[in-house]
Amino acid sequence: MAAPVPDIATPDAPPALVPMGGICGKPVTNAAGEKLGVISELMVDTTLGIIVYAVLNHGGLLGVGEKLFAVPWSRFTVDAIEGDIRLDVPSDLLDELPGFDKDAWPTEPDPALARGPGPAGR
């Protein structure tokens, strides 16, 4: 029988290592405390072994009016102890951007979200 996967971090898993299952489905907030949405998928480059982008589901109600964004993974801050995931973009920016079509997933992150405040927005 396999060992249970920790939700975010446990004494058995260093805080820098977070199971993918502990990220998908988690809410994302910005520095102002606004809920931006939920991470639904992590897209991995299997050649390089890195997460390229996270799919952020933003807005809508019960899947209606919801937008999908390919956000560079480097833009997120993950607190592995508390389980908080932060993306420092204003909610109204996501309201204005078109997102991507659920039937045509991008191969790269959205360039409009590649820069700005946050870890990679230097």
PDB file of N, CA and C in Angstrom:
ATOM      1  N   MET A   1       0.848  -1.169   0.000  1.00  0.00           N
ATOM      2  CA  MET A   1       0.000   0.000   0.000  1.00  0.00           C
ATOM      3  C   MET A   1       0.897   1.235   0.000  1.00  0.00           C
ATOM      4  N   ALA A   2       0.586   2.217  -0.855  1.00  0.00           N
ATOM      5  CA  ALA A   2       1.392   3.437  -0.976  1.00  0.00           C
ATOM      6  C   ALA A   2       1.140   4.363   0.204  1.00  0.00           C
ATOM      7  N   ALA A   3       2.181   5.099   0.547  1.00  0.00           N
ATOM      8  CA  ALA A   3       2.056   6.084   1.614  1.00  0.00           C
ATOM      9  C   ALA A   3       1.178   7.238   1.145  1.00  0.00           C
ATOM     10  N   PRO A   4       0.418   7.868   2.047  1.00  0.00           N
ATOM     11  CA  PRO A   4      -0.412   9.001   1.635  1.00  0.00           C
ATOM     12  C   PRO A   4       0.450  10.177   1.196  1.00  0.00           C
ATOM     13  N   VAL A   5      -0.034  10.918   0.222  1.00  0.00           N
ATOM     14  CA  VAL A   5       0.669  12.102  -0.265  1.00  0.00           C
ATOM     15  C   VAL A   5       0.322  13.258   0.656  1.00  0.00           C
ATOM     16  N   PRO A   6       1.319  13.983   1.174  1.00  0.00           N
ATOM     17  CA  PRO A   6       1.019  15.104   2.047  1.00  0.00           C
ATOM     18  C   PRO A   6       0.268  16.198   1.295  1.00  0.00           C
ATOM     19  N   ASP A   7      -0.612  16.936   2.017  1.00  0.00           N
ATOM     20  CA  ASP A   7      -1.398  17.994   1.388  1.00  0.00           C
ATOM     21  C   ASP A   7      -0.489  19.087   0.858  1.00  0.00           C
ATOM     22  N   ILE A   8       0.315  19.691   1.682  1.00  0.00           N
ATOM     23  CA  ILE A   8       1.260  20.715   1.234  1.00  0.00           C
ATOM     24  C   ILE A   8       2.644  20.361   1.769  1.00  0.00           C
ATOM     25  N   ALA A   9       2.887  20.508   3.029  1.00  0.00           N
ATOM     26  CA  ALA A   9       4.196  20.156   3.578  1.00  0.00           C
ATOM     27  C   ALA A   9       3.994  19.422   4.893  1.00  0.00           C
ATOM     28  N   THR A  10       4.887  18.501   5.180  1.00  0.00           N
ATOM     29  CA  THR A  10       4.847  17.760   6.428  1.00  0.00           C
ATOM     30  C   THR A  10       6.262  17.715   6.964  1.00  0.00           C
ATOM     31  N   PRO A  11       6.440  17.272   8.191  1.00  0.00           N
ATOM     32  CA  PRO A  11       7.813  17.137   8.695  1.00  0.00           C
ATOM     33  C   PRO A  11       8.660  16.200   7.839  1.00  0.00           C
ATOM     34  N   ASP A  12       8.006  15.295   7.081  1.00  0.00           N
ATOM     35  CA  ASP A  12       8.734  14.355   6.237  1.00  0.00           C
ATOM     36  C   ASP A  12       9.143  14.947   4.887  1.00  0.00           C
ATOM     37  N   ALA A  13       8.572  16.105   4.519  1.00  0.00           N
ATOM     38  CA  ALA A  13       8.881  16.722   3.227  1.00  0.00           C
ATOM     39  C   ALA A  13       9.409  18.128   3.458  1.00  0.00           C
ATOM     40  N   PRO A  14      10.616  18.422   2.996  1.00  0.00           N
ATOM     41  CA  PRO A  14      11.148  19.775   3.169  1.00  0.00           C
ATOM     42  C   PRO A  14      10.213  20.807   2.548  1.00  0.00           C
ATOM     43  N   PRO A  15      10.110  22.005   3.123  1.00  0.00           N
ATOM     44  CA  PRO A  15       9.200  23.022   2.611  1.00  0.00           C
ATOM     45  C   PRO A  15       9.405  23.383   1.145  1.00  0.00           C
ATOM     46  N   ALA A  16      10.605  23.190   0.600  1.00  0.00           N
ATOM     47  CA  ALA A  16      10.841  23.523  -0.803  1.00  0.00           C
ATOM     48  C   ALA A  16      10.246  22.475  -1.742  1.00  0.00           C
ATOM     49  N   LEU A  17       9.912  21.314  -1.232  1.00  0.00           N
ATOM     50  CA  LEU A  17       9.313  20.257  -2.044  1.00  0.00           C
ATOM     51  C   LEU A  17       7.830  20.184  -1.727  1.00  0.00           C
ATOM     52  N   VAL A  18       7.023  20.423  -2.742  1.00  0.00           N
ATOM     53  CA  VAL A  18       5.579  20.429  -2.560  1.00  0.00           C
ATOM     54  C   VAL A  18       4.966  19.491  -3.588  1.00  0.00           C
ATOM     55  N   PRO A  19       4.129  18.552  -3.167  1.00  0.00           N
ATOM     56  CA  PRO A  19       3.498  17.664  -4.135  1.00  0.00           C
ATOM     57  C   PRO A  19       2.579  18.448  -5.071  1.00  0.00           C
ATOM     58  N   MET A  20       2.568  18.080  -6.346  1.00  0.00           N
ATOM     59  CA  MET A  20       1.718  18.778  -7.315  1.00  0.00           C
ATOM     60  C   MET A  20       0.251  18.720  -6.899  1.00  0.00           C
ATOM     61  N   GLY A  21      -0.145  17.618  -6.307  1.00  0.00           N
ATOM     62  CA  GLY A  21      -1.529  17.491  -5.845  1.00  0.00           C
ATOM     63  C   GLY A  21      -1.876  18.472  -4.736  1.00  0.00           C
ATOM     64  N   GLY A  22      -0.854  18.985  -4.062  1.00  0.00           N
ATOM     65  CA  GLY A  22      -1.086  19.983  -3.020  1.00  0.00           C
ATOM     66  C   GLY A  22      -1.214  21.387  -3.570  1.00  0.00           C
ATOM     67  N   ILE A  23      -0.960  21.566  -4.860  1.00  0.00           N
ATOM     68  CA  ILE A  23      -1.056  22.881  -5.490  1.00  0.00           C
ATOM     69  C   ILE A  23      -2.323  22.993  -6.325  1.00  0.00           C
ATOM     70  N   CYS A  24      -2.604  21.977  -7.114  1.00  0.00           N
ATOM     71  CA  CYS A  24      -3.808  22.009  -7.944  1.00  0.00           C
ATOM     72  C   CYS A  24      -5.047  22.031  -7.055  1.00  0.00           C
ATOM     73  N   GLY A  25      -5.942  22.936  -7.376  1.00  0.00           N
ATOM     74  CA  GLY A  25      -7.164  23.088  -6.598  1.00  0.00           C
ATOM     75  C   GLY A  25      -7.071  24.116  -5.485  1.00  0.00           C
ATOM     76  N   LYS A  26      -5.873  24.647  -5.273  1.00  0.00           N
ATOM     77  CA  LYS A  26      -5.690  25.637  -4.209  1.00  0.00           C
ATOM     78  C   LYS A  26      -6.052  27.032  -4.698  1.00  0.00           C
ATOM     79  N   PRO A  27      -6.644  27.846  -3.825  1.00  0.00           N
ATOM     80  CA  PRO A  27      -6.935  29.229  -4.205  1.00  0.00           C
ATOM     81  C   PRO A  27      -5.658  30.058  -4.301  1.00  0.00           C
ATOM     82  N   VAL A  28      -5.708  31.066  -5.164  1.00  0.00           N
ATOM     83  CA  VAL A  28      -4.590  31.983  -5.358  1.00  0.00           C
ATOM     84  C   VAL A  28      -5.071  33.382  -4.984  1.00  0.00           C
ATOM     85  N   THR A  29      -4.272  34.076  -4.191  1.00  0.00           N
ATOM     86  CA  THR A  29      -4.595  35.449  -3.808  1.00  0.00           C
ATOM     87  C   THR A  29      -3.453  36.362  -4.236  1.00  0.00           C
ATOM     88  N   ASN A  30      -3.725  37.679  -4.214  1.00  0.00           N
ATOM     89  CA  ASN A  30      -2.654  38.643  -4.483  1.00  0.00           C
ATOM     90  C   ASN A  30      -2.262  39.322  -3.174  1.00  0.00           C
ATOM     91  N   ALA A  31      -1.339  40.276  -3.240  1.00  0.00           N
ATOM     92  CA  ALA A  31      -0.839  40.937  -2.034  1.00  0.00           C
ATOM     93  C   ALA A  31      -1.937  41.704  -1.307  1.00  0.00           C
ATOM     94  N   ALA A  32      -2.969  42.136  -2.042  1.00  0.00           N
ATOM     95  CA  ALA A  32      -4.081  42.871  -1.442  1.00  0.00           C
ATOM     96  C   ALA A  32      -5.097  41.930  -0.795  1.00  0.00           C
ATOM     97  N   GLY A  33      -4.875  40.624  -0.911  1.00  0.00           N
ATOM     98  CA  GLY A  33      -5.781  39.648  -0.324  1.00  0.00           C
ATOM     99  C   GLY A  33      -6.962  39.289  -1.211  1.00  0.00           C
ATOM    100  N   GLU A  34      -6.979  39.796  -2.449  1.00  0.00           N
ATOM    101  CA  GLU A  34      -8.061  39.468  -3.374  1.00  0.00           C
ATOM    102  C   GLU A  34      -7.892  38.041  -3.876  1.00  0.00           C
ATOM    103  N   LYS A  35      -8.983  37.296  -3.933  1.00  0.00           N
ATOM    104  CA  LYS A  35      -8.918  35.954  -4.513  1.00  0.00           C
ATOM    105  C   LYS A  35      -8.888  36.098  -6.020  1.00  0.00           C
ATOM    106  N   LEU A  36      -7.845  35.549  -6.640  1.00  0.00           N
ATOM    107  CA  LEU A  36      -7.675  35.636  -8.087  1.00  0.00           C
ATOM    108  C   LEU A  36      -8.256  34.426  -8.809  1.00  0.00           C
ATOM    109  N   GLY A  37      -8.355  33.330  -8.131  1.00  0.00           N
ATOM    110  CA  GLY A  37      -8.858  32.120  -8.751  1.00  0.00           C
ATOM    111  C   GLY A  37      -8.243  30.892  -8.123  1.00  0.00           C
ATOM    112  N   VAL A  38      -8.207  29.822  -8.903  1.00  0.00           N
ATOM    113  CA  VAL A  38      -7.716  28.531  -8.426  1.00  0.00           C
ATOM    114  C   VAL A  38      -6.779  27.954  -9.488  1.00  0.00           C
ATOM    115  N   ILE A  39      -5.693  27.343  -9.045  1.00  0.00           N
ATOM    116  CA  ILE A  39      -4.802  26.639  -9.977  1.00  0.00           C
ATOM    117  C   ILE A  39      -5.448  25.300 -10.313  1.00  0.00           C
ATOM    118  N   SER A  40      -5.673  25.077 -11.613  1.00  0.00           N
ATOM    119  CA  SER A  40      -6.315  23.825 -12.020  1.00  0.00           C
ATOM    120  C   SER A  40      -5.321  22.810 -12.581  1.00  0.00           C
ATOM    121  N   GLU A  41      -4.227  23.292 -13.164  1.00  0.00           N
ATOM    122  CA  GLU A  41      -3.231  22.387 -13.744  1.00  0.00           C
ATOM    123  C   GLU A  41      -1.846  22.998 -13.641  1.00  0.00           C
ATOM    124  N   LEU A  42      -0.845  22.149 -13.649  1.00  0.00           N
ATOM    125  CA  LEU A  42       0.551  22.569 -13.763  1.00  0.00           C
ATOM    126  C   LEU A  42       1.093  21.934 -15.032  1.00  0.00           C
ATOM    127  N   MET A  43       1.624  22.747 -15.910  1.00  0.00           N
ATOM    128  CA  MET A  43       2.129  22.256 -17.191  1.00  0.00           C
ATOM    129  C   MET A  43       3.646  22.083 -17.085  1.00  0.00           C
ATOM    130  N   VAL A  44       4.099  20.872 -17.317  1.00  0.00           N
ATOM    131  CA  VAL A  44       5.499  20.490 -17.105  1.00  0.00           C
ATOM    132  C   VAL A  44       6.198  20.245 -18.440  1.00  0.00           C
ATOM    133  N   ASP A  45       7.382  20.823 -18.587  1.00  0.00           N
ATOM    134  CA  ASP A  45       8.247  20.514 -19.729  1.00  0.00           C
ATOM    135  C   ASP A  45       8.963  19.216 -19.365  1.00  0.00           C
ATOM    136  N   THR A  46       8.586  18.137 -20.014  1.00  0.00           N
ATOM    137  CA  THR A  46       9.148  16.838 -19.642  1.00  0.00           C
ATOM    138  C   THR A  46      10.596  16.671 -20.068  1.00  0.00           C
ATOM    139  N   THR A  47      11.057  17.487 -21.017  1.00  0.00           N
ATOM    140  CA  THR A  47      12.456  17.425 -21.429  1.00  0.00           C
ATOM    141  C   THR A  47      13.351  18.056 -20.376  1.00  0.00           C
ATOM    142  N   LEU A  48      12.942  19.236 -19.882  1.00  0.00           N
ATOM    143  CA  LEU A  48      13.747  19.958 -18.893  1.00  0.00           C
ATOM    144  C   LEU A  48      13.399  19.586 -17.460  1.00  0.00           C
ATOM    145  N   GLY A  49      12.232  19.001 -17.261  1.00  0.00           N
ATOM    146  CA  GLY A  49      11.815  18.621 -15.922  1.00  0.00           C
ATOM    147  C   GLY A  49      11.424  19.816 -15.057  1.00  0.00           C
ATOM    148  N   ILE A  50      10.795  20.822 -15.669  1.00  0.00           N
ATOM    149  CA  ILE A  50      10.397  22.018 -14.916  1.00  0.00           C
ATOM    150  C   ILE A  50       8.931  22.340 -15.182  1.00  0.00           C
ATOM    151  N   ILE A  51       8.315  23.019 -14.220  1.00  0.00           N
ATOM    152  CA  ILE A  51       6.966  23.529 -14.417  1.00  0.00           C
ATOM    153  C   ILE A  51       7.092  24.798 -15.245  1.00  0.00           C
ATOM    154  N   VAL A  52       6.436  24.838 -16.390  1.00  0.00           N
ATOM    155  CA  VAL A  52       6.497  25.989 -17.277  1.00  0.00           C
ATOM    156  C   VAL A  52       5.439  27.008 -16.892  1.00  0.00           C
ATOM    157  N   TYR A  53       4.209  26.540 -16.724  1.00  0.00           N
ATOM    158  CA  TYR A  53       3.162  27.459 -16.294  1.00  0.00           C
ATOM    159  C   TYR A  53       2.087  26.733 -15.509  1.00  0.00           C
ATOM    160  N   ALA A  54       1.361  27.532 -14.748  1.00  0.00           N
ATOM    161  CA  ALA A  54       0.194  27.035 -14.029  1.00  0.00           C
ATOM    162  C   ALA A  54      -1.034  27.582 -14.729  1.00  0.00           C
ATOM    163  N   VAL A  55      -2.070  26.778 -14.799  1.00  0.00           N
ATOM    164  CA  VAL A  55      -3.340  27.235 -15.350  1.00  0.00           C
ATOM    165  C   VAL A  55      -4.152  27.807 -14.200  1.00  0.00           C
ATOM    166  N   LEU A  56      -4.440  29.100 -14.300  1.00  0.00           N
ATOM    167  CA  LEU A  56      -5.232  29.797 -13.297  1.00  0.00           C
ATOM    168  C   LEU A  56      -6.643  29.970 -13.822  1.00  0.00           C
ATOM    169  N   ASN A  57      -7.625  29.418 -13.106  1.00  0.00           N
ATOM    170  CA  ASN A  57      -9.029  29.629 -13.428  1.00  0.00           C
ATOM    171  C   ASN A  57      -9.473  30.879 -12.672  1.00  0.00           C
ATOM    172  N   HIS A  58      -9.966  31.866 -13.417  1.00  0.00           N
ATOM    173  CA  HIS A  58     -10.324  33.168 -12.820  1.00  0.00           C
ATOM    174  C   HIS A  58     -11.746  33.544 -13.191  1.00  0.00           C
ATOM    175  N   GLY A  59     -12.469  34.049 -12.190  1.00  0.00           N
ATOM    176  CA  GLY A  59     -13.805  34.594 -12.424  1.00  0.00           C
ATOM    177  C   GLY A  59     -14.845  33.529 -12.686  1.00  0.00           C
ATOM    178  N   GLY A  60     -16.000  33.999 -13.084  1.00  0.00           N
ATOM    179  CA  GLY A  60     -17.098  33.101 -13.419  1.00  0.00           C
ATOM    180  C   GLY A  60     -17.792  32.558 -12.185  1.00  0.00           C
ATOM    181  N   LEU A  61     -18.863  31.847 -12.459  1.00  0.00           N
ATOM    182  CA  LEU A  61     -19.640  31.219 -11.398  1.00  0.00           C
ATOM    183  C   LEU A  61     -20.032  29.831 -11.875  1.00  0.00           C
ATOM    184  N   LEU A  62     -19.601  28.822 -11.144  1.00  0.00           N
ATOM    185  CA  LEU A  62     -19.868  27.432 -11.485  1.00  0.00           C
ATOM    186  C   LEU A  62     -19.433  27.085 -12.910  1.00  0.00           C
ATOM    187  N   GLY A  63     -18.270  27.629 -13.302  1.00  0.00           N
ATOM    188  CA  GLY A  63     -17.707  27.335 -14.615  1.00  0.00           C
ATOM    189  C   GLY A  63     -18.210  28.225 -15.735  1.00  0.00           C
ATOM    190  N   VAL A  64     -19.232  29.047 -15.488  1.00  0.00           N
ATOM    191  CA  VAL A  64     -19.764  29.946 -16.509  1.00  0.00           C
ATOM    192  C   VAL A  64     -19.053  31.288 -16.407  1.00  0.00           C
ATOM    193  N   GLY A  65     -18.497  31.753 -17.510  1.00  0.00           N
ATOM    194  CA  GLY A  65     -17.796  33.030 -17.517  1.00  0.00           C
ATOM    195  C   GLY A  65     -16.374  32.953 -16.990  1.00  0.00           C
ATOM    196  N   GLU A  66     -15.929  31.748 -16.683  1.00  0.00           N
ATOM    197  CA  GLU A  66     -14.582  31.546 -16.152  1.00  0.00           C
ATOM    198  C   GLU A  66     -13.556  31.707 -17.274  1.00  0.00           C
ATOM    199  N   LYS A  67     -12.396  32.301 -16.928  1.00  0.00           N
ATOM    200  CA  LYS A  67     -11.298  32.449 -17.884  1.00  0.00           C
ATOM    201  C   LYS A  67     -10.106  31.639 -17.412  1.00  0.00           C
ATOM    202  N   LEU A  68      -9.342  31.135 -18.364  1.00  0.00           N
ATOM    203  CA  LEU A  68      -8.129  30.380 -18.068  1.00  0.00           C
ATOM    204  C   LEU A  68      -6.914  31.207 -18.461  1.00  0.00           C
ATOM    205  N   PHE A  69      -5.901  31.194 -17.587  1.00  0.00           N
ATOM    206  CA  PHE A  69      -4.666  31.924 -17.856  1.00  0.00           C
ATOM    207  C   PHE A  69      -3.478  31.003 -17.696  1.00  0.00           C
ATOM    208  N   ALA A  70      -2.518  31.113 -18.621  1.00  0.00           N
ATOM    209  CA  ALA A  70      -1.255  30.390 -18.537  1.00  0.00           C
ATOM    210  C   ALA A  70      -0.252  31.326 -17.868  1.00  0.00           C
ATOM    211  N   VAL A  71      -0.086  31.161 -16.571  1.00  0.00           N
ATOM    212  CA  VAL A  71       0.769  32.054 -15.783  1.00  0.00           C
ATOM    213  C   VAL A  71       2.128  31.399 -15.567  1.00  0.00           C
ATOM    214  N   PRO A  72       3.211  32.106 -15.916  1.00  0.00           N
ATOM    215  CA  PRO A  72       4.537  31.517 -15.683  1.00  0.00           C
ATOM    216  C   PRO A  72       4.683  31.071 -14.223  1.00  0.00           C
ATOM    217  N   TRP A  73       5.177  29.875 -14.047  1.00  0.00           N
ATOM    218  CA  TRP A  73       5.308  29.342 -12.694  1.00  0.00           C
ATOM    219  C   TRP A  73       6.168  30.249 -11.809  1.00  0.00           C
ATOM    220  N   SER A  74       7.147  30.898 -12.412  1.00  0.00           N
ATOM    221  CA  SER A  74       8.061  31.749 -11.649  1.00  0.00           C
ATOM    222  C   SER A  74       7.367  32.967 -11.047  1.00  0.00           C
ATOM    223  N   ARG A  75       6.171  33.284 -11.470  1.00  0.00           N
ATOM    224  CA  ARG A  75       5.434  34.431 -10.939  1.00  0.00           C
ATOM    225  C   ARG A  75       4.754  34.135  -9.604  1.00  0.00           C
ATOM    226  N   PHE A  76       4.610  32.880  -9.258  1.00  0.00           N
ATOM    227  CA  PHE A  76       3.903  32.502  -8.032  1.00  0.00           C
ATOM    228  C   PHE A  76       4.859  32.438  -6.850  1.00  0.00           C
ATOM    229  N   THR A  77       4.317  32.732  -5.703  1.00  0.00           N
ATOM    230  CA  THR A  77       4.998  32.496  -4.437  1.00  0.00           C
ATOM    231  C   THR A  77       4.183  31.456  -3.687  1.00  0.00           C
ATOM    232  N   VAL A  78       4.830  30.375  -3.268  1.00  0.00           N
ATOM    233  CA  VAL A  78       4.139  29.301  -2.567  1.00  0.00           C
ATOM    234  C   VAL A  78       4.711  29.202  -1.159  1.00  0.00           C
ATOM    235  N   ASP A  79       3.837  29.340  -0.178  1.00  0.00           N
ATOM    236  CA  ASP A  79       4.219  29.140   1.216  1.00  0.00           C
ATOM    237  C   ASP A  79       3.875  27.693   1.544  1.00  0.00           C
ATOM    238  N   ALA A  80       4.871  26.834   1.504  1.00  0.00           N
ATOM    239  CA  ALA A  80       4.647  25.402   1.676  1.00  0.00           C
ATOM    240  C   ALA A  80       4.163  25.046   3.078  1.00  0.00           C
ATOM    241  N   ILE A  81       4.495  25.854   4.064  1.00  0.00           N
ATOM    242  CA  ILE A  81       4.059  25.566   5.436  1.00  0.00           C
ATOM    243  C   ILE A  81       2.584  25.922   5.615  1.00  0.00           C
ATOM    244  N   GLU A  82       2.198  27.128   5.216  1.00  0.00           N
ATOM    245  CA  GLU A  82       0.819  27.590   5.384  1.00  0.00           C
ATOM    246  C   GLU A  82      -0.103  27.117   4.263  1.00  0.00           C
ATOM    247  N   GLY A  83       0.471  26.777   3.110  1.00  0.00           N
ATOM    248  CA  GLY A  83      -0.338  26.340   1.990  1.00  0.00           C
ATOM    249  C   GLY A  83      -0.873  27.473   1.133  1.00  0.00           C
ATOM    250  N   ASP A  84      -0.385  28.685   1.365  1.00  0.00           N
ATOM    251  CA  ASP A  84      -0.852  29.843   0.597  1.00  0.00           C
ATOM    252  C   ASP A  84      -0.110  29.948  -0.725  1.00  0.00           C
ATOM    253  N   ILE A  85      -0.853  30.331  -1.765  1.00  0.00           N
ATOM    254  CA  ILE A  85      -0.260  30.564  -3.078  1.00  0.00           C
ATOM    255  C   ILE A  85      -0.611  31.987  -3.470  1.00  0.00           C
ATOM    256  N   ARG A  86       0.417  32.751  -3.829  1.00  0.00           N
ATOM    257  CA  ARG A  86       0.209  34.164  -4.138  1.00  0.00           C
ATOM    258  C   ARG A  86       0.729  34.497  -5.524  1.00  0.00           C
ATOM    259  N   LEU A  87      -0.022  35.363  -6.194  1.00  0.00           N
ATOM    260  CA  LEU A  87       0.355  35.897  -7.491  1.00  0.00           C
ATOM    261  C   LEU A  87       0.108  37.400  -7.419  1.00  0.00           C
ATOM    262  N   ASP A  88       1.163  38.179  -7.535  1.00  0.00           N
ATOM    263  CA  ASP A  88       1.018  39.616  -7.347  1.00  0.00           C
ATOM    264  C   ASP A  88       0.645  40.328  -8.645  1.00  0.00           C
ATOM    265  N   VAL A  89      -0.617  40.143  -9.018  1.00  0.00           N
ATOM    266  CA  VAL A  89      -1.227  40.905 -10.105  1.00  0.00           C
ATOM    267  C   VAL A  89      -2.588  41.384  -9.600  1.00  0.00           C
ATOM    268  N   PRO A  90      -3.022  42.549 -10.057  1.00  0.00           N
ATOM    269  CA  PRO A  90      -4.350  43.011  -9.645  1.00  0.00           C
ATOM    270  C   PRO A  90      -5.448  42.175 -10.310  1.00  0.00           C
ATOM    271  N   SER A  91      -6.509  41.957  -9.587  1.00  0.00           N
ATOM    272  CA  SER A  91      -7.625  41.176 -10.112  1.00  0.00           C
ATOM    273  C   SER A  91      -8.203  41.800 -11.373  1.00  0.00           C
ATOM    274  N   ASP A  92      -8.233  43.135 -11.437  1.00  0.00           N
ATOM    275  CA  ASP A  92      -8.821  43.787 -12.616  1.00  0.00           C
ATOM    276  C   ASP A  92      -7.994  43.546 -13.883  1.00  0.00           C
ATOM    277  N   LEU A  93      -6.694  43.273 -13.749  1.00  0.00           N
ATOM    278  CA  LEU A  93      -5.881  42.932 -14.920  1.00  0.00           C
ATOM    279  C   LEU A  93      -6.395  41.628 -15.531  1.00  0.00           C
ATOM    280  N   LEU A  94      -6.680  40.649 -14.679  1.00  0.00           N
ATOM    281  CA  LEU A  94      -7.198  39.373 -15.170  1.00  0.00           C
ATOM    282  C   LEU A  94      -8.590  39.550 -15.774  1.00  0.00           C
ATOM    283  N   ASP A  95      -9.370  40.473 -15.219  1.00  0.00           N
ATOM    284  CA  ASP A  95     -10.696  40.758 -15.785  1.00  0.00           C
ATOM    285  C   ASP A  95     -10.565  41.294 -17.208  1.00  0.00           C
ATOM    286  N   GLU A  96      -9.520  42.083 -17.460  1.00  0.00           N
ATOM    287  CA  GLU A  96      -9.336  42.727 -18.768  1.00  0.00           C
ATOM    288  C   GLU A  96      -8.699  41.812 -19.805  1.00  0.00           C
ATOM    289  N   LEU A  97      -7.806  40.923 -19.396  1.00  0.00           N
ATOM    290  CA  LEU A  97      -7.112  40.048 -20.343  1.00  0.00           C
ATOM    291  C   LEU A  97      -8.046  38.958 -20.862  1.00  0.00           C
ATOM    292  N   PRO A  98      -7.803  38.487 -22.086  1.00  0.00           N
ATOM    293  CA  PRO A  98      -8.713  37.496 -22.665  1.00  0.00           C
ATOM    294  C   PRO A  98      -8.555  36.071 -22.130  1.00  0.00           C
ATOM    295  N   GLY A  99      -7.403  35.709 -21.589  1.00  0.00           N
ATOM    296  CA  GLY A  99      -7.179  34.322 -21.202  1.00  0.00           C
ATOM    297  C   GLY A  99      -6.985  33.454 -22.431  1.00  0.00           C
ATOM    298  N   PHE A 100      -7.097  32.131 -22.270  1.00  0.00           N
ATOM    299  CA  PHE A 100      -6.966  31.242 -23.427  1.00  0.00           C
ATOM    300  C   PHE A 100      -8.179  30.321 -23.521  1.00  0.00           C
ATOM    301  N   ASP A 101      -8.379  29.801 -24.718  1.00  0.00           N
ATOM    302  CA  ASP A 101      -9.516  28.938 -25.011  1.00  0.00           C
ATOM    303  C   ASP A 101      -9.283  27.564 -24.402  1.00  0.00           C
ATOM    304  N   LYS A 102     -10.276  27.032 -23.733  1.00  0.00           N
ATOM    305  CA  LYS A 102     -10.133  25.724 -23.079  1.00  0.00           C
ATOM    306  C   LYS A 102      -9.870  24.593 -24.067  1.00  0.00           C
ATOM    307  N   ASP A 103     -10.147  24.836 -25.348  1.00  0.00           N
ATOM    308  CA  ASP A 103      -9.900  23.822 -26.370  1.00  0.00           C
ATOM    309  C   ASP A 103      -8.609  24.058 -27.154  1.00  0.00           C
ATOM    310  N   ALA A 104      -7.856  25.106 -26.785  1.00  0.00           N
ATOM    311  CA  ALA A 104      -6.601  25.428 -27.482  1.00  0.00           C
ATOM    312  C   ALA A 104      -5.573  25.901 -26.460  1.00  0.00           C
ATOM    313  N   TRP A 105      -4.998  24.949 -25.757  1.00  0.00           N
ATOM    314  CA  TRP A 105      -4.056  25.292 -24.699  1.00  0.00           C
ATOM    315  C   TRP A 105      -2.739  25.777 -25.286  1.00  0.00           C
ATOM    316  N   PRO A 106      -2.161  26.818 -24.678  1.00  0.00           N
ATOM    317  CA  PRO A 106      -0.901  27.368 -25.186  1.00  0.00           C
ATOM    318  C   PRO A 106       0.294  26.475 -24.858  1.00  0.00           C
ATOM    319  N   THR A 107       1.347  26.652 -25.640  1.00  0.00           N
ATOM    320  CA  THR A 107       2.587  25.923 -25.365  1.00  0.00           C
ATOM    321  C   THR A 107       3.530  26.744 -24.500  1.00  0.00           C
ATOM    322  N   GLU A 108       3.204  28.033 -24.307  1.00  0.00           N
ATOM    323  CA  GLU A 108       4.021  28.927 -23.486  1.00  0.00           C
ATOM    324  C   GLU A 108       3.107  29.765 -22.601  1.00  0.00           C
ATOM    325  N   PRO A 109       3.662  30.333 -21.536  1.00  0.00           N
ATOM    326  CA  PRO A 109       2.867  31.214 -20.676  1.00  0.00           C
ATOM    327  C   PRO A 109       2.438  32.483 -21.409  1.00  0.00           C
ATOM    328  N   ASP A 110       1.405  33.107 -20.892  1.00  0.00           N
ATOM    329  CA  ASP A 110       0.895  34.363 -21.432  1.00  0.00           C
ATOM    330  C   ASP A 110       1.934  35.464 -21.212  1.00  0.00           C
ATOM    331  N   PRO A 111       2.429  36.113 -22.285  1.00  0.00           N
ATOM    332  CA  PRO A 111       3.437  37.166 -22.117  1.00  0.00           C
ATOM    333  C   PRO A 111       2.932  38.361 -21.316  1.00  0.00           C
ATOM    334  N   ALA A 112       1.628  38.589 -21.303  1.00  0.00           N
ATOM    335  CA  ALA A 112       1.074  39.703 -20.526  1.00  0.00           C
ATOM    336  C   ALA A 112       1.209  39.464 -19.027  1.00  0.00           C
ATOM    337  N   LEU A 113       1.416  38.211 -18.633  1.00  0.00           N
ATOM    338  CA  LEU A 113       1.565  37.884 -17.210  1.00  0.00           C
ATOM    339  C   LEU A 113       3.000  37.525 -16.848  1.00  0.00           C
ATOM    340  N   ALA A 114       3.896  37.670 -17.802  1.00  0.00           N
ATOM    341  CA  ALA A 114       5.294  37.296 -17.567  1.00  0.00           C
ATOM    342  C   ALA A 114       6.072  38.367 -16.811  1.00  0.00           C
ATOM    343  N   ARG A 115       5.577  39.591 -16.803  1.00  0.00           N
ATOM    344  CA  ARG A 115       6.277  40.685 -16.120  1.00  0.00           C
ATOM    345  C   ARG A 115       5.355  41.370 -15.128  1.00  0.00           C
ATOM    346  N   GLY A 116       5.934  42.042 -14.191  1.00  0.00           N
ATOM    347  CA  GLY A 116       5.159  42.778 -13.200  1.00  0.00           C
ATOM    348  C   GLY A 116       5.660  42.471 -11.817  1.00  0.00           C
ATOM    349  N   PRO A 117       4.907  42.882 -10.803  1.00  0.00           N
ATOM    350  CA  PRO A 117       5.325  42.600  -9.439  1.00  0.00           C
ATOM    351  C   PRO A 117       5.373  41.103  -9.204  1.00  0.00           C
ATOM    352  N   GLY A 118       6.213  40.690  -8.344  1.00  0.00           N
ATOM    353  CA  GLY A 118       6.310  39.268  -8.021  1.00  0.00           C
ATOM    354  C   GLY A 118       7.719  38.773  -8.206  1.00  0.00           C
ATOM    355  N   PRO A 119       7.957  37.496  -7.879  1.00  0.00           N
ATOM    356  CA  PRO A 119       9.296  36.940  -7.894  1.00  0.00           C
ATOM    357  C   PRO A 119      10.033  37.090  -9.216  1.00  0.00           C
ATOM    358  N   ALA A 120       9.345  36.938 -10.358  1.00  0.00           N
ATOM    359  CA  ALA A 120      10.036  37.001 -11.640  1.00  0.00           C
ATOM    360  C   ALA A 120       9.828  38.316 -12.348  1.00  0.00           C
ATOM    361  N   GLY A 121       9.101  39.225 -11.749  1.00  0.00           N
ATOM    362  CA  GLY A 121       8.778  40.468 -12.419  1.00  0.00           C
ATOM    363  C   GLY A 121       9.787  41.572 -12.169  1.00  0.00           C
ATOM    364  N   ARG A 122      11.023  41.270 -12.311  1.00  0.00           N
ATOM    365  CA  ARG A 122      12.070  42.241 -12.036  1.00  0.00           C
ATOM    366  C   ARG A 122      12.238  43.218 -13.182  1.00  0.00           C
TER     367      ARG A 122
END
